[in-house]
Amino acid sequence: MLTAMRRFAFILGWFWLTMAALPAADGKIVKVLQHYLDAQGRHTRSPSLYERDAYQAYLRKNPDKRSALRFDIQWRARGAEPSQLKLRMEVRGSLAHQDKPLILEQPVKRNPGLGRWSSVALEGDAFKQLGEVVAWRATLWAGEQSIAEQKSFLW
């Protein structure tokens, strides 16, 4: 009788330790791409990567042709409720106050055909007041817990 109770206590303790060792939500931000958009909302004129890079160089040299800035973020998340996931971009600009970054948040949407890419855009007056991007940090959140982060060199 005593050995059966010890076995039961051992199995129960093992079960609780195993459950405590399971990771909660886990995530990763794989890549962050920064694209300027023109007045028509385009970041390229054709689907070619070469054309995209050339058009981005053109927009960098001609600030008057820019209308917005978009961050395209590739992310992964395991063990998190999809409806609770959100992306947060914190951006510091040359014209903005450096102590308080501009914060952009957006819930993520899973697109099975496109992998896990989401976009966060900075438009209008906020884009004009930011100036050139100096530094940025992208974080992936599951509810109130940050599960992944990627930041620029100067962050």
N, C-alpha and C. Protein backbone atom coordinates (compact mmCIF):
# COMPACT_ATOMS: atom_id res chain seq x y z
N MET A 1 0.82 -1.19 0.00
CA MET A 1 0.00 0.00 0.00
C MET A 1 0.87 1.26 0.00
N LEU A 2 1.90 1.29 0.80
CA LEU A 2 2.76 2.45 0.88
C LEU A 2 3.53 2.65 -0.42
N THR A 3 3.98 1.57 -1.05
CA THR A 3 4.71 1.71 -2.31
C THR A 3 3.79 2.21 -3.42
N ALA A 4 2.53 1.83 -3.40
CA ALA A 4 1.60 2.32 -4.41
C ALA A 4 1.39 3.83 -4.25
N MET A 5 1.34 4.30 -3.01
CA MET A 5 1.18 5.74 -2.78
C MET A 5 2.45 6.49 -3.19
N ARG A 6 3.61 5.88 -2.93
CA ARG A 6 4.86 6.51 -3.35
C ARG A 6 4.93 6.60 -4.87
N ARG A 7 4.52 5.54 -5.55
CA ARG A 7 4.50 5.57 -7.02
C ARG A 7 3.57 6.67 -7.53
N PHE A 8 2.40 6.74 -6.91
CA PHE A 8 1.44 7.76 -7.32
C PHE A 8 2.01 9.16 -7.10
N ALA A 9 2.65 9.39 -5.96
CA ALA A 9 3.25 10.69 -5.66
C ALA A 9 4.38 10.99 -6.63
N PHE A 10 5.19 9.97 -6.96
CA PHE A 10 6.27 10.16 -7.91
C PHE A 10 5.72 10.52 -9.29
N ILE A 11 4.71 9.81 -9.75
CA ILE A 11 4.11 10.08 -11.05
C ILE A 11 3.47 11.47 -11.07
N LEU A 12 2.79 11.83 -10.01
CA LEU A 12 2.18 13.15 -9.93
C LEU A 12 3.24 14.25 -9.93
N GLY A 13 4.31 14.09 -9.17
CA GLY A 13 5.39 15.06 -9.16
C GLY A 13 6.07 15.16 -10.51
N TRP A 14 6.31 14.03 -11.15
CA TRP A 14 6.92 14.02 -12.48
C TRP A 14 6.03 14.75 -13.49
N PHE A 15 4.71 14.52 -13.41
CA PHE A 15 3.77 15.18 -14.29
C PHE A 15 3.84 16.70 -14.13
N TRP A 16 3.85 17.20 -12.90
CA TRP A 16 3.90 18.63 -12.65
C TRP A 16 5.22 19.25 -13.10
N LEU A 17 6.33 18.54 -12.89
CA LEU A 17 7.62 19.03 -13.36
C LEU A 17 7.67 19.08 -14.88
N THR A 18 7.10 18.09 -15.53
CA THR A 18 7.06 18.07 -16.99
C THR A 18 6.22 19.21 -17.52
N MET A 19 5.09 19.44 -16.91
CA MET A 19 4.21 20.53 -17.36
C MET A 19 4.87 21.90 -17.13
N ALA A 20 5.60 22.05 -16.04
CA ALA A 20 6.28 23.32 -15.76
C ALA A 20 7.43 23.56 -16.73
N ALA A 21 8.03 22.47 -17.23
CA ALA A 21 9.18 22.60 -18.13
C ALA A 21 8.77 22.91 -19.56
N LEU A 22 7.51 22.68 -19.90
CA LEU A 22 7.05 22.98 -21.26
C LEU A 22 7.12 24.48 -21.51
N PRO A 23 7.66 24.88 -22.64
CA PRO A 23 7.72 26.31 -22.91
C PRO A 23 6.34 26.88 -23.18
N ALA A 24 6.17 28.11 -22.76
CA ALA A 24 4.91 28.80 -23.07
C ALA A 24 5.00 29.20 -24.53
N ALA A 25 4.71 30.42 -24.82
CA ALA A 25 4.81 30.90 -26.20
C ALA A 25 6.28 31.15 -26.54
N ASP A 26 6.65 30.78 -27.74
CA ASP A 26 8.02 30.95 -28.21
C ASP A 26 7.94 31.55 -29.60
N GLY A 27 8.82 32.49 -29.92
CA GLY A 27 8.76 33.12 -31.22
C GLY A 27 10.12 33.58 -31.70
N LYS A 28 10.13 34.02 -32.95
CA LYS A 28 11.35 34.53 -33.55
C LYS A 28 10.97 35.53 -34.64
N ILE A 29 11.70 36.62 -34.68
CA ILE A 29 11.60 37.55 -35.80
C ILE A 29 12.77 37.22 -36.72
N VAL A 30 12.44 36.75 -37.90
CA VAL A 30 13.46 36.26 -38.83
C VAL A 30 14.11 37.41 -39.58
N LYS A 31 13.30 38.31 -40.08
CA LYS A 31 13.83 39.36 -40.96
C LYS A 31 12.95 40.61 -40.87
N VAL A 32 13.58 41.77 -40.96
CA VAL A 32 12.86 43.05 -41.01
C VAL A 32 13.38 43.82 -42.21
N LEU A 33 12.48 44.14 -43.14
CA LEU A 33 12.84 44.91 -44.32
C LEU A 33 12.18 46.28 -44.23
N GLN A 34 12.94 47.32 -44.53
CA GLN A 34 12.45 48.69 -44.48
C GLN A 34 12.27 49.19 -45.90
N HIS A 35 11.04 49.60 -46.27
CA HIS A 35 10.76 50.08 -47.62
C HIS A 35 10.08 51.44 -47.59
N TYR A 36 10.58 52.35 -48.41
CA TYR A 36 9.87 53.60 -48.63
C TYR A 36 8.78 53.34 -49.66
N LEU A 37 7.66 54.07 -49.53
CA LEU A 37 6.56 53.96 -50.48
C LEU A 37 6.42 55.29 -51.21
N ASP A 38 6.05 55.21 -52.50
CA ASP A 38 5.84 56.42 -53.28
C ASP A 38 4.40 56.92 -53.10
N ALA A 39 4.01 57.91 -53.85
CA ALA A 39 2.67 58.51 -53.71
C ALA A 39 1.55 57.52 -54.02
N GLN A 40 1.84 56.50 -54.85
CA GLN A 40 0.84 55.48 -55.18
C GLN A 40 0.88 54.30 -54.20
N GLY A 41 1.74 54.36 -53.19
CA GLY A 41 1.84 53.28 -52.21
C GLY A 41 2.70 52.11 -52.67
N ARG A 42 3.51 52.31 -53.70
CA ARG A 42 4.35 51.24 -54.24
C ARG A 42 5.75 51.30 -53.62
N HIS A 43 6.34 50.14 -53.41
CA HIS A 43 7.74 50.10 -52.98
C HIS A 43 8.65 49.64 -54.12
N THR A 44 8.06 49.23 -55.22
CA THR A 44 8.78 48.85 -56.43
C THR A 44 7.86 49.05 -57.62
N ARG A 45 8.45 49.09 -58.81
CA ARG A 45 7.64 49.25 -60.02
C ARG A 45 7.32 47.92 -60.68
N SER A 46 8.10 46.87 -60.35
CA SER A 46 7.86 45.55 -60.91
C SER A 46 8.26 44.51 -59.86
N PRO A 47 7.89 43.25 -60.06
CA PRO A 47 8.18 42.24 -59.04
C PRO A 47 9.64 41.80 -58.95
N SER A 48 10.52 42.37 -59.72
CA SER A 48 11.93 42.00 -59.70
C SER A 48 12.62 42.56 -58.45
N LEU A 49 13.46 41.74 -57.81
CA LEU A 49 14.21 42.21 -56.65
C LEU A 49 15.21 43.29 -57.05
N TYR A 50 15.79 43.15 -58.22
CA TYR A 50 16.71 44.17 -58.72
C TYR A 50 15.99 45.50 -58.88
N GLU A 51 14.79 45.46 -59.47
CA GLU A 51 14.01 46.68 -59.66
C GLU A 51 13.60 47.27 -58.31
N ARG A 52 13.26 46.42 -57.35
CA ARG A 52 12.90 46.91 -56.01
C ARG A 52 14.07 47.67 -55.40
N ASP A 53 15.26 47.08 -55.44
CA ASP A 53 16.43 47.73 -54.86
C ASP A 53 16.75 49.04 -55.58
N ALA A 54 16.62 49.04 -56.89
CA ALA A 54 16.90 50.27 -57.66
C ALA A 54 15.87 51.35 -57.33
N TYR A 55 14.59 50.97 -57.18
CA TYR A 55 13.55 51.94 -56.87
C TYR A 55 13.71 52.47 -55.45
N GLN A 56 14.14 51.61 -54.53
CA GLN A 56 14.38 52.06 -53.16
C GLN A 56 15.55 53.05 -53.12
N ALA A 57 16.57 52.81 -53.91
CA ALA A 57 17.70 53.75 -54.00
C ALA A 57 17.22 55.10 -54.55
N TYR A 58 16.34 55.05 -55.55
CA TYR A 58 15.77 56.27 -56.13
C TYR A 58 14.97 57.04 -55.07
N LEU A 59 14.16 56.33 -54.29
CA LEU A 59 13.35 56.99 -53.25
C LEU A 59 14.23 57.54 -52.12
N ARG A 60 15.33 56.87 -51.80
CA ARG A 60 16.24 57.39 -50.78
C ARG A 60 16.88 58.69 -51.24
N LYS A 61 17.19 58.79 -52.53
CA LYS A 61 17.84 60.00 -53.06
C LYS A 61 16.85 61.13 -53.29
N ASN A 62 15.56 60.81 -53.39
CA ASN A 62 14.52 61.81 -53.66
C ASN A 62 13.46 61.78 -52.56
N PRO A 63 13.72 62.41 -51.42
CA PRO A 63 12.76 62.36 -50.31
C PRO A 63 11.40 62.95 -50.64
N ASP A 64 11.33 63.87 -51.60
CA ASP A 64 10.05 64.46 -51.96
C ASP A 64 9.12 63.48 -52.65
N LYS A 65 9.63 62.36 -53.13
CA LYS A 65 8.82 61.33 -53.81
C LYS A 65 8.25 60.31 -52.83
N ARG A 66 8.68 60.34 -51.59
CA ARG A 66 8.22 59.38 -50.58
C ARG A 66 6.91 59.83 -49.96
N SER A 67 6.04 58.86 -49.68
CA SER A 67 4.80 59.19 -48.98
C SER A 67 4.65 58.43 -47.67
N ALA A 68 5.42 57.36 -47.50
CA ALA A 68 5.30 56.54 -46.29
C ALA A 68 6.51 55.64 -46.16
N LEU A 69 6.58 54.99 -45.02
CA LEU A 69 7.62 54.02 -44.73
C LEU A 69 6.92 52.75 -44.24
N ARG A 70 7.32 51.61 -44.80
CA ARG A 70 6.70 50.35 -44.41
C ARG A 70 7.79 49.38 -43.97
N PHE A 71 7.55 48.73 -42.84
CA PHE A 71 8.42 47.66 -42.36
C PHE A 71 7.73 46.33 -42.66
N ASP A 72 8.38 45.48 -43.44
CA ASP A 72 7.89 44.14 -43.71
C ASP A 72 8.64 43.19 -42.80
N ILE A 73 7.90 42.44 -41.98
CA ILE A 73 8.51 41.63 -40.92
C ILE A 73 8.13 40.17 -41.11
N GLN A 74 9.15 39.31 -41.17
CA GLN A 74 8.94 37.87 -41.22
C GLN A 74 9.11 37.35 -39.79
N TRP A 75 8.12 36.57 -39.32
CA TRP A 75 8.11 36.12 -37.94
C TRP A 75 7.66 34.68 -37.85
N ARG A 76 7.93 34.07 -36.71
CA ARG A 76 7.45 32.72 -36.38
C ARG A 76 6.99 32.73 -34.94
N ALA A 77 5.97 31.93 -34.65
CA ALA A 77 5.49 31.81 -33.27
C ALA A 77 4.96 30.40 -33.05
N ARG A 78 5.34 29.82 -31.91
CA ARG A 78 4.84 28.51 -31.51
C ARG A 78 4.22 28.62 -30.13
N GLY A 79 3.17 27.88 -29.92
CA GLY A 79 2.56 27.81 -28.60
C GLY A 79 1.80 29.05 -28.19
N ALA A 80 1.48 29.90 -29.15
CA ALA A 80 0.74 31.13 -28.84
C ALA A 80 -0.59 31.12 -29.57
N GLU A 81 -1.57 31.69 -28.95
CA GLU A 81 -2.88 31.84 -29.57
C GLU A 81 -2.77 32.87 -30.69
N PRO A 82 -3.11 32.50 -31.94
CA PRO A 82 -2.95 33.44 -33.07
C PRO A 82 -3.69 34.77 -32.88
N SER A 83 -4.81 34.74 -32.22
CA SER A 83 -5.56 35.99 -32.04
C SER A 83 -4.89 36.93 -31.03
N GLN A 84 -3.95 36.43 -30.24
CA GLN A 84 -3.26 37.24 -29.24
C GLN A 84 -1.95 37.84 -29.74
N LEU A 85 -1.51 37.47 -30.94
CA LEU A 85 -0.22 37.92 -31.45
C LEU A 85 -0.30 39.34 -32.01
N LYS A 86 0.72 40.14 -31.72
CA LYS A 86 0.81 41.48 -32.30
C LYS A 86 2.28 41.83 -32.50
N LEU A 87 2.52 42.69 -33.46
CA LEU A 87 3.86 43.21 -33.73
C LEU A 87 3.94 44.64 -33.24
N ARG A 88 5.09 44.97 -32.67
CA ARG A 88 5.33 46.34 -32.23
C ARG A 88 6.65 46.81 -32.85
N MET A 89 6.58 47.94 -33.53
CA MET A 89 7.78 48.59 -34.09
C MET A 89 8.03 49.86 -33.31
N GLU A 90 9.24 50.01 -32.84
CA GLU A 90 9.67 51.24 -32.20
C GLU A 90 10.73 51.86 -33.11
N VAL A 91 10.52 53.11 -33.49
CA VAL A 91 11.37 53.76 -34.49
C VAL A 91 11.88 55.09 -33.95
N ARG A 92 13.19 55.31 -34.11
CA ARG A 92 13.79 56.59 -33.79
C ARG A 92 14.21 57.26 -35.08
N GLY A 93 13.88 58.53 -35.22
CA GLY A 93 14.20 59.26 -36.44
C GLY A 93 15.11 60.44 -36.19
N SER A 94 15.62 61.00 -37.27
CA SER A 94 16.55 62.12 -37.17
C SER A 94 15.87 63.41 -36.70
N LEU A 95 14.58 63.56 -36.95
CA LEU A 95 13.88 64.78 -36.54
C LEU A 95 13.09 64.60 -35.24
N ALA A 96 12.88 63.37 -34.83
CA ALA A 96 12.07 63.09 -33.63
C ALA A 96 12.95 63.10 -32.39
N HIS A 97 12.33 63.18 -31.23
CA HIS A 97 13.04 63.14 -29.95
C HIS A 97 13.61 61.74 -29.76
N GLN A 98 14.89 61.64 -29.46
CA GLN A 98 15.58 60.35 -29.41
C GLN A 98 15.24 59.52 -28.17
N ASP A 99 14.80 60.15 -27.08
CA ASP A 99 14.49 59.39 -25.87
C ASP A 99 13.17 58.64 -25.97
N LYS A 100 12.25 59.15 -26.76
CA LYS A 100 10.94 58.53 -26.89
C LYS A 100 10.74 58.09 -28.34
N PRO A 101 10.91 56.80 -28.60
CA PRO A 101 10.72 56.35 -29.98
C PRO A 101 9.24 56.36 -30.35
N LEU A 102 8.99 56.45 -31.63
CA LEU A 102 7.64 56.34 -32.16
C LEU A 102 7.25 54.87 -32.11
N ILE A 103 6.08 54.55 -31.56
CA ILE A 103 5.66 53.16 -31.39
C ILE A 103 4.47 52.88 -32.30
N LEU A 104 4.61 51.83 -33.11
CA LEU A 104 3.55 51.36 -34.00
C LEU A 104 3.20 49.94 -33.61
N GLU A 105 1.92 49.65 -33.41
CA GLU A 105 1.49 48.29 -33.07
C GLU A 105 0.43 47.83 -34.04
N GLN A 106 0.45 46.53 -34.31
CA GLN A 106 -0.54 45.97 -35.22
C GLN A 106 -0.72 44.48 -34.92
N PRO A 107 -1.97 44.01 -34.86
CA PRO A 107 -2.16 42.57 -34.72
C PRO A 107 -1.68 41.85 -35.97
N VAL A 108 -1.13 40.67 -35.80
CA VAL A 108 -0.64 39.93 -36.96
C VAL A 108 -1.74 39.04 -37.52
N LYS A 109 -1.64 38.79 -38.81
CA LYS A 109 -2.57 37.90 -39.50
C LYS A 109 -1.76 36.79 -40.13
N ARG A 110 -2.21 35.58 -39.97
CA ARG A 110 -1.52 34.45 -40.58
C ARG A 110 -2.00 34.31 -42.02
N ASN A 111 -1.06 34.36 -42.95
CA ASN A 111 -1.35 34.17 -44.36
C ASN A 111 -0.66 32.88 -44.80
N PRO A 112 -1.40 31.77 -44.93
CA PRO A 112 -0.75 30.50 -45.26
C PRO A 112 0.03 30.54 -46.57
N GLY A 113 -0.43 31.28 -47.55
CA GLY A 113 0.25 31.32 -48.83
C GLY A 113 1.53 32.16 -48.81
N LEU A 114 1.59 33.16 -47.94
CA LEU A 114 2.74 34.07 -47.91
C LEU A 114 3.68 33.79 -46.74
N GLY A 115 3.52 32.67 -46.09
CA GLY A 115 4.32 32.43 -44.90
C GLY A 115 3.84 33.31 -43.79
N ARG A 116 4.73 33.75 -42.96
CA ARG A 116 4.35 34.62 -41.85
C ARG A 116 5.03 35.97 -42.01
N TRP A 117 4.54 36.75 -42.92
CA TRP A 117 5.01 38.11 -43.15
C TRP A 117 3.90 39.06 -42.75
N SER A 118 4.25 40.12 -42.07
CA SER A 118 3.30 41.17 -41.73
C SER A 118 3.95 42.51 -42.01
N SER A 119 3.13 43.50 -42.25
CA SER A 119 3.61 44.84 -42.56
C SER A 119 3.10 45.84 -41.53
N VAL A 120 3.97 46.77 -41.17
CA VAL A 120 3.61 47.87 -40.30
C VAL A 120 4.02 49.14 -41.03
N ALA A 121 3.07 50.04 -41.24
CA ALA A 121 3.34 51.24 -42.05
C ALA A 121 3.31 52.49 -41.18
N LEU A 122 4.16 53.43 -41.56
CA LEU A 122 4.22 54.75 -40.95
C LEU A 122 3.87 55.75 -42.04
N GLU A 123 2.75 56.46 -41.87
CA GLU A 123 2.24 57.32 -42.94
C GLU A 123 1.89 58.70 -42.39
N GLY A 124 1.58 59.58 -43.31
CA GLY A 124 1.05 60.90 -42.96
C GLY A 124 2.02 61.78 -42.21
N ASP A 125 1.47 62.56 -41.26
CA ASP A 125 2.26 63.52 -40.50
C ASP A 125 3.34 62.85 -39.66
N ALA A 126 3.03 61.68 -39.11
CA ALA A 126 4.03 60.97 -38.29
C ALA A 126 5.25 60.62 -39.13
N PHE A 127 5.04 60.24 -40.37
CA PHE A 127 6.16 59.92 -41.26
C PHE A 127 6.99 61.18 -41.55
N LYS A 128 6.33 62.30 -41.79
CA LYS A 128 7.04 63.54 -42.10
C LYS A 128 7.80 64.07 -40.89
N GLN A 129 7.27 63.87 -39.70
CA GLN A 129 7.91 64.38 -38.49
C GLN A 129 9.06 63.50 -38.01
N LEU A 130 9.13 62.28 -38.50
CA LEU A 130 10.18 61.35 -38.07
C LEU A 130 11.53 61.68 -38.69
N GLY A 131 11.55 62.09 -39.96
CA GLY A 131 12.81 62.31 -40.66
C GLY A 131 13.38 60.97 -41.13
N GLU A 132 14.70 60.90 -41.22
CA GLU A 132 15.36 59.65 -41.62
C GLU A 132 15.38 58.69 -40.43
N VAL A 133 15.20 57.41 -40.69
CA VAL A 133 15.23 56.41 -39.63
C VAL A 133 16.66 56.26 -39.14
N VAL A 134 16.83 56.40 -37.83
CA VAL A 134 18.14 56.24 -37.21
C VAL A 134 18.27 54.83 -36.62
N ALA A 135 17.22 54.36 -35.96
CA ALA A 135 17.25 53.04 -35.33
C ALA A 135 15.83 52.53 -35.19
N TRP A 136 15.70 51.20 -35.07
CA TRP A 136 14.38 50.58 -34.90
C TRP A 136 14.52 49.30 -34.08
N ARG A 137 13.39 48.90 -33.50
CA ARG A 137 13.30 47.62 -32.79
C ARG A 137 11.94 47.01 -33.09
N ALA A 138 11.94 45.75 -33.51
CA ALA A 138 10.71 45.02 -33.78
C ALA A 138 10.55 43.95 -32.70
N THR A 139 9.35 43.87 -32.12
CA THR A 139 9.07 42.85 -31.12
C THR A 139 7.76 42.16 -31.46
N LEU A 140 7.70 40.87 -31.16
CA LEU A 140 6.50 40.07 -31.34
C LEU A 140 5.96 39.77 -29.96
N TRP A 141 4.67 40.03 -29.78
CA TRP A 141 4.03 39.89 -28.48
C TRP A 141 2.94 38.85 -28.54
N ALA A 142 2.86 38.02 -27.50
CA ALA A 142 1.75 37.09 -27.28
C ALA A 142 1.04 37.58 -26.04
N GLY A 143 -0.06 38.29 -26.25
CA GLY A 143 -0.74 38.93 -25.13
C GLY A 143 0.12 40.05 -24.58
N GLU A 144 0.51 39.95 -23.31
CA GLU A 144 1.35 40.97 -22.67
C GLU A 144 2.81 40.53 -22.53
N GLN A 145 3.16 39.41 -23.18
CA GLN A 145 4.52 38.88 -23.07
C GLN A 145 5.26 39.02 -24.40
N SER A 146 6.45 39.62 -24.35
CA SER A 146 7.29 39.72 -25.53
C SER A 146 7.97 38.38 -25.76
N ILE A 147 7.79 37.80 -26.97
CA ILE A 147 8.35 36.48 -27.24
C ILE A 147 9.47 36.50 -28.28
N ALA A 148 9.67 37.64 -28.95
CA ALA A 148 10.75 37.73 -29.93
C ALA A 148 11.12 39.19 -30.14
N GLU A 149 12.39 39.40 -30.51
CA GLU A 149 12.87 40.76 -30.72
C GLU A 149 13.98 40.75 -31.77
N GLN A 150 13.99 41.79 -32.60
CA GLN A 150 15.10 42.06 -33.47
C GLN A 150 15.26 43.57 -33.53
N LYS A 151 16.51 44.04 -33.50
CA LYS A 151 16.72 45.48 -33.47
C LYS A 151 17.87 45.85 -34.40
N SER A 152 17.86 47.09 -34.80
CA SER A 152 18.93 47.59 -35.66
C SER A 152 20.19 47.79 -34.83
N PHE A 153 21.29 47.97 -35.52
CA PHE A 153 22.59 48.09 -34.88
C PHE A 153 22.65 49.25 -33.89
N LEU A 154 22.05 50.38 -34.24
CA LEU A 154 22.14 51.58 -33.39
C LEU A 154 21.11 51.63 -32.29
N TRP A 155 20.27 50.63 -32.15
CA TRP A 155 19.26 50.67 -31.09
C TRP A 155 19.97 50.57 -29.76
